[in-house]
Amino acid sequence: MMKKVDMSLEEFLSLSTSNPDTLNVIDFKASWCKPCKKLQPMMEDLVSNYPSVNFYQIDTDDEVTEEIVDHFNIKALPTIIYLKKGEIVGNVVGIDIQVIENTVNDNL
């Protein structure tokens, strides 16, 4: 299951830097976003298939995560950001699950 984020930007970024060899995949979504809803079960499959990867879900409408959304300059939904060692190593906008999975594999 994807982990829901309800922490500050600093706390969130420290997750990536504290375990630098781990890939972190962040799914930025909103409850009103139909493509986000369509992507959800496909992302859950990835979570099952890649146990060594940390998958996070951030609701862009949540005030708690507003600073994180701003930090990553999220302008379209869904957006997937790939973080490793505290740095962005990839991003995908949209619901092309093959591109999303290929980007996971490229950054393992």
PDB file of N, CA and C in Angstrom:
ATOM      1  N   MET A   1       0.838  -1.185   0.000  1.00  0.00           N
ATOM      2  CA  MET A   1       0.000   0.000   0.000  1.00  0.00           C
ATOM      3  C   MET A   1       0.884   1.249   0.000  1.00  0.00           C
ATOM      4  N   MET A   2       0.442   2.249  -0.731  1.00  0.00           N
ATOM      5  CA  MET A   2       1.188   3.503  -0.789  1.00  0.00           C
ATOM      6  C   MET A   2       1.070   4.233   0.542  1.00  0.00           C
ATOM      7  N   LYS A   3       2.150   4.874   0.946  1.00  0.00           N
ATOM      8  CA  LYS A   3       2.157   5.612   2.204  1.00  0.00           C
ATOM      9  C   LYS A   3       1.628   7.019   1.956  1.00  0.00           C
ATOM     10  N   LYS A   4       0.665   7.446   2.751  1.00  0.00           N
ATOM     11  CA  LYS A   4       0.146   8.807   2.658  1.00  0.00           C
ATOM     12  C   LYS A   4       1.076   9.726   3.436  1.00  0.00           C
ATOM     13  N   VAL A   5       1.361  10.876   2.858  1.00  0.00           N
ATOM     14  CA  VAL A   5       2.295  11.816   3.470  1.00  0.00           C
ATOM     15  C   VAL A   5       1.517  12.870   4.235  1.00  0.00           C
ATOM     16  N   ASP A   6       1.866  13.038   5.505  1.00  0.00           N
ATOM     17  CA  ASP A   6       1.269  14.098   6.319  1.00  0.00           C
ATOM     18  C   ASP A   6       2.357  14.676   7.223  1.00  0.00           C
ATOM     19  N   MET A   7       3.392  15.217   6.581  1.00  0.00           N
ATOM     20  CA  MET A   7       4.541  15.746   7.312  1.00  0.00           C
ATOM     21  C   MET A   7       5.060  16.997   6.608  1.00  0.00           C
ATOM     22  N   SER A   8       6.011  17.651   7.244  1.00  0.00           N
ATOM     23  CA  SER A   8       6.592  18.859   6.661  1.00  0.00           C
ATOM     24  C   SER A   8       7.526  18.495   5.512  1.00  0.00           C
ATOM     25  N   LEU A   9       7.896  19.489   4.741  1.00  0.00           N
ATOM     26  CA  LEU A   9       8.831  19.294   3.635  1.00  0.00           C
ATOM     27  C   LEU A   9      10.166  18.759   4.154  1.00  0.00           C
ATOM     28  N   GLU A  10      10.674  19.334   5.223  1.00  0.00           N
ATOM     29  CA  GLU A  10      11.963  18.914   5.772  1.00  0.00           C
ATOM     30  C   GLU A  10      11.921  17.452   6.210  1.00  0.00           C
ATOM     31  N   GLU A  11      10.852  17.072   6.894  1.00  0.00           N
ATOM     32  CA  GLU A  11      10.709  15.677   7.333  1.00  0.00           C
ATOM     33  C   GLU A  11      10.652  14.745   6.130  1.00  0.00           C
ATOM     34  N   PHE A  12       9.909  15.158   5.119  1.00  0.00           N
ATOM     35  CA  PHE A  12       9.754  14.324   3.937  1.00  0.00           C
ATOM     36  C   PHE A  12      11.083  14.163   3.198  1.00  0.00           C
ATOM     37  N   LEU A  13      11.804  15.257   2.992  1.00  0.00           N
ATOM     38  CA  LEU A  13      13.084  15.174   2.285  1.00  0.00           C
ATOM     39  C   LEU A  13      14.105  14.361   3.070  1.00  0.00           C
ATOM     40  N   SER A  14      14.020  14.402   4.389  1.00  0.00           N
ATOM     41  CA  SER A  14      14.967  13.627   5.198  1.00  0.00           C
ATOM     42  C   SER A  14      14.761  12.121   5.004  1.00  0.00           C
ATOM     43  N   LEU A  15      13.551  11.701   4.632  1.00  0.00           N
ATOM     44  CA  LEU A  15      13.313  10.281   4.348  1.00  0.00           C
ATOM     45  C   LEU A  15      14.192   9.812   3.191  1.00  0.00           C
ATOM     46  N   SER A  16      14.356  10.667   2.193  1.00  0.00           N
ATOM     47  CA  SER A  16      15.141  10.314   1.014  1.00  0.00           C
ATOM     48  C   SER A  16      16.635  10.365   1.298  1.00  0.00           C
ATOM     49  N   THR A  17      17.068  11.319   2.110  1.00  0.00           N
ATOM     50  CA  THR A  17      18.497  11.442   2.371  1.00  0.00           C
ATOM     51  C   THR A  17      18.981  10.469   3.445  1.00  0.00           C
ATOM     52  N   SER A  18      18.087  10.024   4.329  1.00  0.00           N
ATOM     53  CA  SER A  18      18.502   9.118   5.399  1.00  0.00           C
ATOM     54  C   SER A  18      18.778   7.706   4.879  1.00  0.00           C
ATOM     55  N   ASN A  19      18.202   7.337   3.757  1.00  0.00           N
ATOM     56  CA  ASN A  19      18.464   6.048   3.128  1.00  0.00           C
ATOM     57  C   ASN A  19      18.747   6.312   1.650  1.00  0.00           C
ATOM     58  N   PRO A  20      19.971   6.776   1.339  1.00  0.00           N
ATOM     59  CA  PRO A  20      20.259   7.297   0.008  1.00  0.00           C
ATOM     60  C   PRO A  20      20.175   6.299  -1.140  1.00  0.00           C
ATOM     61  N   ASP A  21      20.260   5.010  -0.863  1.00  0.00           N
ATOM     62  CA  ASP A  21      20.201   4.030  -1.948  1.00  0.00           C
ATOM     63  C   ASP A  21      18.781   3.610  -2.316  1.00  0.00           C
ATOM     64  N   THR A  22      17.801   4.089  -1.553  1.00  0.00           N
ATOM     65  CA  THR A  22      16.413   3.707  -1.787  1.00  0.00           C
ATOM     66  C   THR A  22      15.744   4.696  -2.741  1.00  0.00           C
ATOM     67  N   LEU A  23      15.038   4.159  -3.711  1.00  0.00           N
ATOM     68  CA  LEU A  23      14.255   4.988  -4.622  1.00  0.00           C
ATOM     69  C   LEU A  23      12.924   5.314  -3.960  1.00  0.00           C
ATOM     70  N   ASN A  24      12.543   6.582  -4.007  1.00  0.00           N
ATOM     71  CA  ASN A  24      11.262   7.044  -3.476  1.00  0.00           C
ATOM     72  C   ASN A  24      10.416   7.540  -4.638  1.00  0.00           C
ATOM     73  N   VAL A  25       9.235   6.974  -4.779  1.00  0.00           N
ATOM     74  CA  VAL A  25       8.310   7.348  -5.850  1.00  0.00           C
ATOM     75  C   VAL A  25       7.140   8.074  -5.199  1.00  0.00           C
ATOM     76  N   ILE A  26       6.914   9.312  -5.651  1.00  0.00           N
ATOM     77  CA  ILE A  26       5.874  10.152  -5.047  1.00  0.00           C
ATOM     78  C   ILE A  26       4.792  10.412  -6.074  1.00  0.00           C
ATOM     79  N   ASP A  27       3.586  10.002  -5.742  1.00  0.00           N
ATOM     80  CA  ASP A  27       2.413  10.184  -6.603  1.00  0.00           C
ATOM     81  C   ASP A  27       1.635  11.399  -6.093  1.00  0.00           C
ATOM     82  N   PHE A  28       1.678  12.488  -6.854  1.00  0.00           N
ATOM     83  CA  PHE A  28       0.902  13.683  -6.518  1.00  0.00           C
ATOM     84  C   PHE A  28      -0.456  13.563  -7.182  1.00  0.00           C
ATOM     85  N   LYS A  29      -1.508  13.662  -6.367  1.00  0.00           N
ATOM     86  CA  LYS A  29      -2.867  13.441  -6.856  1.00  0.00           C
ATOM     87  C   LYS A  29      -3.835  14.381  -6.162  1.00  0.00           C
ATOM     88  N   ALA A  30      -5.092  14.319  -6.589  1.00  0.00           N
ATOM     89  CA  ALA A  30      -6.177  15.042  -5.922  1.00  0.00           C
ATOM     90  C   ALA A  30      -7.432  14.183  -5.993  1.00  0.00           C
ATOM     91  N   SER A  31      -8.290  14.323  -5.011  1.00  0.00           N
ATOM     92  CA  SER A  31      -9.494  13.499  -4.943  1.00  0.00           C
ATOM     93  C   SER A  31     -10.441  13.744  -6.120  1.00  0.00           C
ATOM     94  N   TRP A  32     -10.424  14.947  -6.686  1.00  0.00           N
ATOM     95  CA  TRP A  32     -11.319  15.295  -7.801  1.00  0.00           C
ATOM     96  C   TRP A  32     -10.754  14.894  -9.166  1.00  0.00           C
ATOM     97  N   CYS A  33      -9.525  14.425  -9.209  1.00  0.00           N
ATOM     98  CA  CYS A  33      -8.809  14.141 -10.465  1.00  0.00           C
ATOM     99  C   CYS A  33      -9.156  12.746 -10.986  1.00  0.00           C
ATOM    100  N   LYS A  34      -9.889  12.674 -12.090  1.00  0.00           N
ATOM    101  CA  LYS A  34     -10.289  11.378 -12.652  1.00  0.00           C
ATOM    102  C   LYS A  34      -9.096  10.549 -13.134  1.00  0.00           C
ATOM    103  N   PRO A  35      -8.112  11.141 -13.833  1.00  0.00           N
ATOM    104  CA  PRO A  35      -6.945  10.340 -14.208  1.00  0.00           C
ATOM    105  C   PRO A  35      -6.201   9.792 -12.980  1.00  0.00           C
ATOM    106  N   CYS A  36      -6.177  10.557 -11.895  1.00  0.00           N
ATOM    107  CA  CYS A  36      -5.521  10.095 -10.659  1.00  0.00           C
ATOM    108  C   CYS A  36      -6.219   8.848 -10.128  1.00  0.00           C
ATOM    109  N   LYS A  37      -7.531   8.860 -10.166  1.00  0.00           N
ATOM    110  CA  LYS A  37      -8.302   7.706  -9.699  1.00  0.00           C
ATOM    111  C   LYS A  37      -8.054   6.482 -10.588  1.00  0.00           C
ATOM    112  N   LYS A  38      -7.933   6.724 -11.881  1.00  0.00           N
ATOM    113  CA  LYS A  38      -7.666   5.633 -12.817  1.00  0.00           C
ATOM    114  C   LYS A  38      -6.269   5.045 -12.587  1.00  0.00           C
ATOM    115  N   LEU A  39      -5.321   5.897 -12.225  1.00  0.00           N
ATOM    116  CA  LEU A  39      -3.944   5.459 -12.009  1.00  0.00           C
ATOM    117  C   LEU A  39      -3.769   4.674 -10.708  1.00  0.00           C
ATOM    118  N   GLN A  40      -4.606   4.935  -9.734  1.00  0.00           N
ATOM    119  CA  GLN A  40      -4.439   4.372  -8.385  1.00  0.00           C
ATOM    120  C   GLN A  40      -4.228   2.856  -8.359  1.00  0.00           C
ATOM    121  N   PRO A  41      -5.091   2.044  -8.967  1.00  0.00           N
ATOM    122  CA  PRO A  41      -4.868   0.585  -8.897  1.00  0.00           C
ATOM    123  C   PRO A  41      -3.584   0.156  -9.605  1.00  0.00           C
ATOM    124  N   MET A  42      -3.197   0.862 -10.649  1.00  0.00           N
ATOM    125  CA  MET A  42      -1.957   0.531 -11.344  1.00  0.00           C
ATOM    126  C   MET A  42      -0.752   0.827 -10.458  1.00  0.00           C
ATOM    127  N   MET A  43      -0.815   1.921  -9.703  1.00  0.00           N
ATOM    128  CA  MET A  43       0.271   2.253  -8.780  1.00  0.00           C
ATOM    129  C   MET A  43       0.351   1.230  -7.656  1.00  0.00           C
ATOM    130  N   GLU A  44      -0.791   0.772  -7.178  1.00  0.00           N
ATOM    131  CA  GLU A  44      -0.806  -0.247  -6.119  1.00  0.00           C
ATOM    132  C   GLU A  44      -0.138  -1.534  -6.604  1.00  0.00           C
ATOM    133  N   ASP A  45      -0.304  -1.871  -7.891  1.00  0.00           N
ATOM    134  CA  ASP A  45       0.381  -3.040  -8.457  1.00  0.00           C
ATOM    135  C   ASP A  45       1.895  -2.848  -8.414  1.00  0.00           C
ATOM    136  N   LEU A  46       2.351  -1.630  -8.727  1.00  0.00           N
ATOM    137  CA  LEU A  46       3.785  -1.352  -8.674  1.00  0.00           C
ATOM    138  C   LEU A  46       4.322  -1.518  -7.253  1.00  0.00           C
ATOM    139  N   VAL A  47       3.538  -1.055  -6.273  1.00  0.00           N
ATOM    140  CA  VAL A  47       3.945  -1.198  -4.873  1.00  0.00           C
ATOM    141  C   VAL A  47       4.199  -2.672  -4.563  1.00  0.00           C
ATOM    142  N   SER A  48       3.320  -3.539  -5.035  1.00  0.00           N
ATOM    143  CA  SER A  48       3.467  -4.982  -4.798  1.00  0.00           C
ATOM    144  C   SER A  48       4.666  -5.560  -5.536  1.00  0.00           C
ATOM    145  N   ASN A  49       4.933  -5.049  -6.731  1.00  0.00           N
ATOM    146  CA  ASN A  49       5.993  -5.608  -7.566  1.00  0.00           C
ATOM    147  C   ASN A  49       7.394  -5.083  -7.225  1.00  0.00           C
ATOM    148  N   TYR A  50       7.475  -3.975  -6.498  1.00  0.00           N
ATOM    149  CA  TYR A  50       8.766  -3.356  -6.178  1.00  0.00           C
ATOM    150  C   TYR A  50       8.868  -3.106  -4.669  1.00  0.00           C
ATOM    151  N   PRO A  51       9.052  -4.160  -3.884  1.00  0.00           N
ATOM    152  CA  PRO A  51       9.073  -3.996  -2.427  1.00  0.00           C
ATOM    153  C   PRO A  51      10.260  -3.181  -1.903  1.00  0.00           C
ATOM    154  N   SER A  52      11.313  -3.039  -2.692  1.00  0.00           N
ATOM    155  CA  SER A  52      12.479  -2.277  -2.231  1.00  0.00           C
ATOM    156  C   SER A  52      12.326  -0.769  -2.480  1.00  0.00           C
ATOM    157  N   VAL A  53      11.244  -0.379  -3.142  1.00  0.00           N
ATOM    158  CA  VAL A  53      10.994   1.029  -3.455  1.00  0.00           C
ATOM    159  C   VAL A  53       9.966   1.576  -2.467  1.00  0.00           C
ATOM    160  N   ASN A  54      10.182   2.800  -2.005  1.00  0.00           N
ATOM    161  CA  ASN A  54       9.196   3.472  -1.150  1.00  0.00           C
ATOM    162  C   ASN A  54       8.231   4.256  -2.035  1.00  0.00           C
ATOM    163  N   PHE A  55       6.960   3.968  -1.917  1.00  0.00           N
ATOM    164  CA  PHE A  55       5.930   4.672  -2.680  1.00  0.00           C
ATOM    165  C   PHE A  55       5.137   5.565  -1.733  1.00  0.00           C
ATOM    166  N   TYR A  56       4.997   6.834  -2.125  1.00  0.00           N
ATOM    167  CA  TYR A  56       4.259   7.802  -1.326  1.00  0.00           C
ATOM    168  C   TYR A  56       3.162   8.423  -2.176  1.00  0.00           C
ATOM    169  N   GLN A  57       2.111   8.833  -1.493  1.00  0.00           N
ATOM    170  CA  GLN A  57       0.995   9.503  -2.156  1.00  0.00           C
ATOM    171  C   GLN A  57       0.762  10.838  -1.455  1.00  0.00           C
ATOM    172  N   ILE A  58       0.690  11.903  -2.245  1.00  0.00           N
ATOM    173  CA  ILE A  58       0.466  13.231  -1.693  1.00  0.00           C
ATOM    174  C   ILE A  58      -0.759  13.840  -2.349  1.00  0.00           C
ATOM    175  N   ASP A  59      -1.715  14.221  -1.515  1.00  0.00           N
ATOM    176  CA  ASP A  59      -2.930  14.891  -1.979  1.00  0.00           C
ATOM    177  C   ASP A  59      -2.614  16.382  -2.101  1.00  0.00           C
ATOM    178  N   THR A  60      -2.685  16.891  -3.313  1.00  0.00           N
ATOM    179  CA  THR A  60      -2.321  18.292  -3.557  1.00  0.00           C
ATOM    180  C   THR A  60      -3.297  19.273  -2.929  1.00  0.00           C
ATOM    181  N   ASP A  61      -4.456  18.809  -2.512  1.00  0.00           N
ATOM    182  CA  ASP A  61      -5.446  19.687  -1.870  1.00  0.00           C
ATOM    183  C   ASP A  61      -5.280  19.752  -0.355  1.00  0.00           C
ATOM    184  N   ASP A  62      -4.357  18.983   0.195  1.00  0.00           N
ATOM    185  CA  ASP A  62      -4.156  18.935   1.640  1.00  0.00           C
ATOM    186  C   ASP A  62      -3.230  20.073   2.070  1.00  0.00           C
ATOM    187  N   GLU A  63      -3.691  20.918   2.985  1.00  0.00           N
ATOM    188  CA  GLU A  63      -2.886  22.049   3.438  1.00  0.00           C
ATOM    189  C   GLU A  63      -1.595  21.591   4.114  1.00  0.00           C
ATOM    190  N   VAL A  64      -1.600  20.430   4.739  1.00  0.00           N
ATOM    191  CA  VAL A  64      -0.413  19.916   5.424  1.00  0.00           C
ATOM    192  C   VAL A  64       0.737  19.707   4.432  1.00  0.00           C
ATOM    193  N   THR A  65       0.425  19.298   3.217  1.00  0.00           N
ATOM    194  CA  THR A  65       1.462  18.990   2.227  1.00  0.00           C
ATOM    195  C   THR A  65       1.669  20.110   1.200  1.00  0.00           C
ATOM    196  N   GLU A  66       1.070  21.243   1.422  1.00  0.00           N
ATOM    197  CA  GLU A  66       1.163  22.359   0.463  1.00  0.00           C
ATOM    198  C   GLU A  66       2.616  22.749   0.174  1.00  0.00           C
ATOM    199  N   GLU A  67       3.447  22.763   1.214  1.00  0.00           N
ATOM    200  CA  GLU A  67       4.858  23.132   1.044  1.00  0.00           C
ATOM    201  C   GLU A  67       5.593  22.116   0.160  1.00  0.00           C
ATOM    202  N   ILE A  68       5.249  20.845   0.302  1.00  0.00           N
ATOM    203  CA  ILE A  68       5.869  19.798  -0.528  1.00  0.00           C
ATOM    204  C   ILE A  68       5.437  19.977  -1.980  1.00  0.00           C
ATOM    205  N   VAL A  69       4.155  20.211  -2.205  1.00  0.00           N
ATOM    206  CA  VAL A  69       3.624  20.416  -3.561  1.00  0.00           C
ATOM    207  C   VAL A  69       4.317  21.609  -4.208  1.00  0.00           C
ATOM    208  N   ASP A  70       4.473  22.692  -3.461  1.00  0.00           N
ATOM    209  CA  ASP A  70       5.150  23.885  -3.987  1.00  0.00           C
ATOM    210  C   ASP A  70       6.621  23.598  -4.277  1.00  0.00           C
ATOM    211  N   HIS A  71       7.277  22.881  -3.378  1.00  0.00           N
ATOM    212  CA  HIS A  71       8.700  22.565  -3.541  1.00  0.00           C
ATOM    213  C   HIS A  71       8.958  21.828  -4.853  1.00  0.00           C
ATOM    214  N   PHE A  72       8.097  20.892  -5.186  1.00  0.00           N
ATOM    215  CA  PHE A  72       8.267  20.111  -6.409  1.00  0.00           C
ATOM    216  C   PHE A  72       7.598  20.749  -7.619  1.00  0.00           C
ATOM    217  N   ASN A  73       7.028  21.952  -7.428  1.00  0.00           N
ATOM    218  CA  ASN A  73       6.450  22.739  -8.517  1.00  0.00           C
ATOM    219  C   ASN A  73       5.424  21.939  -9.322  1.00  0.00           C
ATOM    220  N   ILE A  74       4.486  21.302  -8.619  1.00  0.00           N
ATOM    221  CA  ILE A  74       3.479  20.465  -9.260  1.00  0.00           C
ATOM    222  C   ILE A  74       2.425  21.359  -9.920  1.00  0.00           C
ATOM    223  N   LYS A  75       2.283  21.206 -11.237  1.00  0.00           N
ATOM    224  CA  LYS A  75       1.342  22.035 -12.006  1.00  0.00           C
ATOM    225  C   LYS A  75       0.261  21.223 -12.706  1.00  0.00           C
ATOM    226  N   ALA A  76       0.478  19.906 -12.833  1.00  0.00           N
ATOM    227  CA  ALA A  76      -0.481  19.037 -13.520  1.00  0.00           C
ATOM    228  C   ALA A  76      -0.617  17.749 -12.719  1.00  0.00           C
ATOM    229  N   LEU A  77      -1.772  17.115 -12.849  1.00  0.00           N
ATOM    230  CA  LEU A  77      -2.038  15.868 -12.126  1.00  0.00           C
ATOM    231  C   LEU A  77      -2.487  14.783 -13.083  1.00  0.00           C
ATOM    232  N   PRO A  78      -2.133  13.551 -12.782  1.00  0.00           N
ATOM    233  CA  PRO A  78      -1.177  13.138 -11.771  1.00  0.00           C
ATOM    234  C   PRO A  78       0.256  13.404 -12.219  1.00  0.00           C
ATOM    235  N   THR A  79       1.111  13.667 -11.262  1.00  0.00           N
ATOM    236  CA  THR A  79       2.550  13.803 -11.494  1.00  0.00           C
ATOM    237  C   THR A  79       3.262  12.826 -10.566  1.00  0.00           C
ATOM    238  N   ILE A  80       4.197  12.087 -11.132  1.00  0.00           N
ATOM    239  CA  ILE A  80       5.004  11.147 -10.363  1.00  0.00           C
ATOM    240  C   ILE A  80       6.428  11.698 -10.330  1.00  0.00           C
ATOM    241  N   ILE A  81       6.958  11.858  -9.121  1.00  0.00           N
ATOM    242  CA  ILE A  81       8.333  12.321  -8.933  1.00  0.00           C
ATOM    243  C   ILE A  81       9.149  11.168  -8.358  1.00  0.00           C
ATOM    244  N   TYR A  82      10.359  11.003  -8.860  1.00  0.00           N
ATOM    245  CA  TYR A  82      11.272   9.955  -8.410  1.00  0.00           C
ATOM    246  C   TYR A  82      12.426  10.627  -7.677  1.00  0.00           C
ATOM    247  N   LEU A  83      12.622  10.253  -6.425  1.00  0.00           N
ATOM    248  CA  LEU A  83      13.645  10.864  -5.580  1.00  0.00           C
ATOM    249  C   LEU A  83      14.647   9.819  -5.127  1.00  0.00           C
ATOM    250  N   LYS A  84      15.925  10.171  -5.201  1.00  0.00           N
ATOM    251  CA  LYS A  84      16.976   9.304  -4.688  1.00  0.00           C
ATOM    252  C   LYS A  84      18.078  10.210  -4.148  1.00  0.00           C
ATOM    253  N   LYS A  85      18.551   9.927  -2.961  1.00  0.00           N
ATOM    254  CA  LYS A  85      19.591  10.736  -2.315  1.00  0.00           C
ATOM    255  C   LYS A  85      19.144  12.191  -2.161  1.00  0.00           C
ATOM    256  N   GLY A  86      17.845  12.401  -2.016  1.00  0.00           N
ATOM    257  CA  GLY A  86      17.318  13.752  -1.842  1.00  0.00           C
ATOM    258  C   GLY A  86      17.198  14.547  -3.131  1.00  0.00           C
ATOM    259  N   GLU A  87      17.520  13.937  -4.255  1.00  0.00           N
ATOM    260  CA  GLU A  87      17.495  14.621  -5.548  1.00  0.00           C
ATOM    261  C   GLU A  87      16.439  13.994  -6.466  1.00  0.00           C
ATOM    262  N   ILE A  88      15.840  14.826  -7.303  1.00  0.00           N
ATOM    263  CA  ILE A  88      14.883  14.335  -8.303  1.00  0.00           C
ATOM    264  C   ILE A  88      15.669  13.624  -9.405  1.00  0.00           C
ATOM    265  N   VAL A  89      15.339  12.357  -9.638  1.00  0.00           N
ATOM    266  CA  VAL A  89      16.016  11.586 -10.678  1.00  0.00           C
ATOM    267  C   VAL A  89      15.087  11.270 -11.852  1.00  0.00           C
ATOM    268  N   GLY A  90      13.830  11.710 -11.751  1.00  0.00           N
ATOM    269  CA  GLY A  90      12.888  11.502 -12.840  1.00  0.00           C
ATOM    270  C   GLY A  90      11.522  12.039 -12.486  1.00  0.00           C
ATOM    271  N   ASN A  91      10.707  12.250 -13.498  1.00  0.00           N
ATOM    272  CA  ASN A  91       9.310  12.615 -13.277  1.00  0.00           C
ATOM    273  C   ASN A  91       8.479  12.221 -14.486  1.00  0.00           C
ATOM    274  N   VAL A  92       7.228  11.897 -14.209  1.00  0.00           N
ATOM    275  CA  VAL A  92       6.277  11.529 -15.259  1.00  0.00           C
ATOM    276  C   VAL A  92       4.971  12.261 -14.960  1.00  0.00           C
ATOM    277  N   VAL A  93       4.420  12.890 -15.986  1.00  0.00           N
ATOM    278  CA  VAL A  93       3.105  13.523 -15.861  1.00  0.00           C
ATOM    279  C   VAL A  93       2.132  12.693 -16.690  1.00  0.00           C
ATOM    280  N   GLY A  94       1.017  12.308 -16.070  1.00  0.00           N
ATOM    281  CA  GLY A  94       0.018  11.520 -16.781  1.00  0.00           C
ATOM    282  C   GLY A  94      -0.073  10.103 -16.250  1.00  0.00           C
ATOM    283  N   ILE A  95      -0.801   9.250 -16.970  1.00  0.00           N
ATOM    284  CA  ILE A  95      -1.100   7.912 -16.459  1.00  0.00           C
ATOM    285  C   ILE A  95      -0.535   6.784 -17.317  1.00  0.00           C
ATOM    286  N   ASP A  96       0.549   7.043 -18.041  1.00  0.00           N
ATOM    287  CA  ASP A  96       1.167   5.985 -18.835  1.00  0.00           C
ATOM    288  C   ASP A  96       1.957   5.071 -17.903  1.00  0.00           C
ATOM    289  N   ILE A  97       1.328   3.989 -17.470  1.00  0.00           N
ATOM    290  CA  ILE A  97       1.920   3.118 -16.463  1.00  0.00           C
ATOM    291  C   ILE A  97       3.209   2.480 -16.959  1.00  0.00           C
ATOM    292  N   GLN A  98       3.340   2.252 -18.249  1.00  0.00           N
ATOM    293  CA  GLN A  98       4.582   1.665 -18.768  1.00  0.00           C
ATOM    294  C   GLN A  98       5.749   2.637 -18.596  1.00  0.00           C
ATOM    295  N   VAL A  99       5.518   3.905 -18.867  1.00  0.00           N
ATOM    296  CA  VAL A  99       6.559   4.929 -18.678  1.00  0.00           C
ATOM    297  C   VAL A  99       6.881   5.061 -17.184  1.00  0.00           C
ATOM    298  N   ILE A 100       5.842   5.029 -16.354  1.00  0.00           N
ATOM    299  CA  ILE A 100       6.032   5.129 -14.901  1.00  0.00           C
ATOM    300  C   ILE A 100       6.884   3.964 -14.407  1.00  0.00           C
ATOM    301  N   GLU A 101       6.571   2.742 -14.850  1.00  0.00           N
ATOM    302  CA  GLU A 101       7.333   1.567 -14.417  1.00  0.00           C
ATOM    303  C   GLU A 101       8.745   1.576 -14.993  1.00  0.00           C
ATOM    304  N   ASN A 102       8.889   1.972 -16.242  1.00  0.00           N
ATOM    305  CA  ASN A 102      10.226   2.036 -16.844  1.00  0.00           C
ATOM    306  C   ASN A 102      11.110   3.017 -16.072  1.00  0.00           C
ATOM    307  N   THR A 103      10.539   4.116 -15.619  1.00  0.00           N
ATOM    308  CA  THR A 103      11.305   5.105 -14.860  1.00  0.00           C
ATOM    309  C   THR A 103      11.720   4.537 -13.514  1.00  0.00           C
ATOM    310  N   VAL A 104      10.867   3.719 -12.909  1.00  0.00           N
ATOM    311  CA  VAL A 104      11.263   3.018 -11.670  1.00  0.00           C
ATOM    312  C   VAL A 104      12.488   2.138 -11.973  1.00  0.00           C
ATOM    313  N   ASN A 105      12.386   1.320 -13.008  1.00  0.00           N
ATOM    314  CA  ASN A 105      13.477   0.398 -13.344  1.00  0.00           C
ATOM    315  C   ASN A 105      14.771   1.141 -13.687  1.00  0.00           C
ATOM    316  N   ASP A 106      14.653   2.274 -14.363  1.00  0.00           N
ATOM    317  CA  ASP A 106      15.831   3.054 -14.744  1.00  0.00           C
ATOM    318  C   ASP A 106      16.569   3.614 -13.538  1.00  0.00           C
ATOM    319  N   ASN A 107      15.884   3.733 -12.404  1.00  0.00           N
ATOM    320  CA  ASN A 107      16.482   4.379 -11.226  1.00  0.00           C
ATOM    321  C   ASN A 107      16.732   3.443 -10.059  1.00  0.00           C
ATOM    322  N   LEU A 108      16.577   2.145 -10.276  1.00  0.00           N
ATOM    323  CA  LEU A 108      16.858   1.184  -9.189  1.00  0.00           C
ATOM    324  C   LEU A 108      18.348   1.041  -8.953  1.00  0.00           C
TER     325      LEU A 108
END
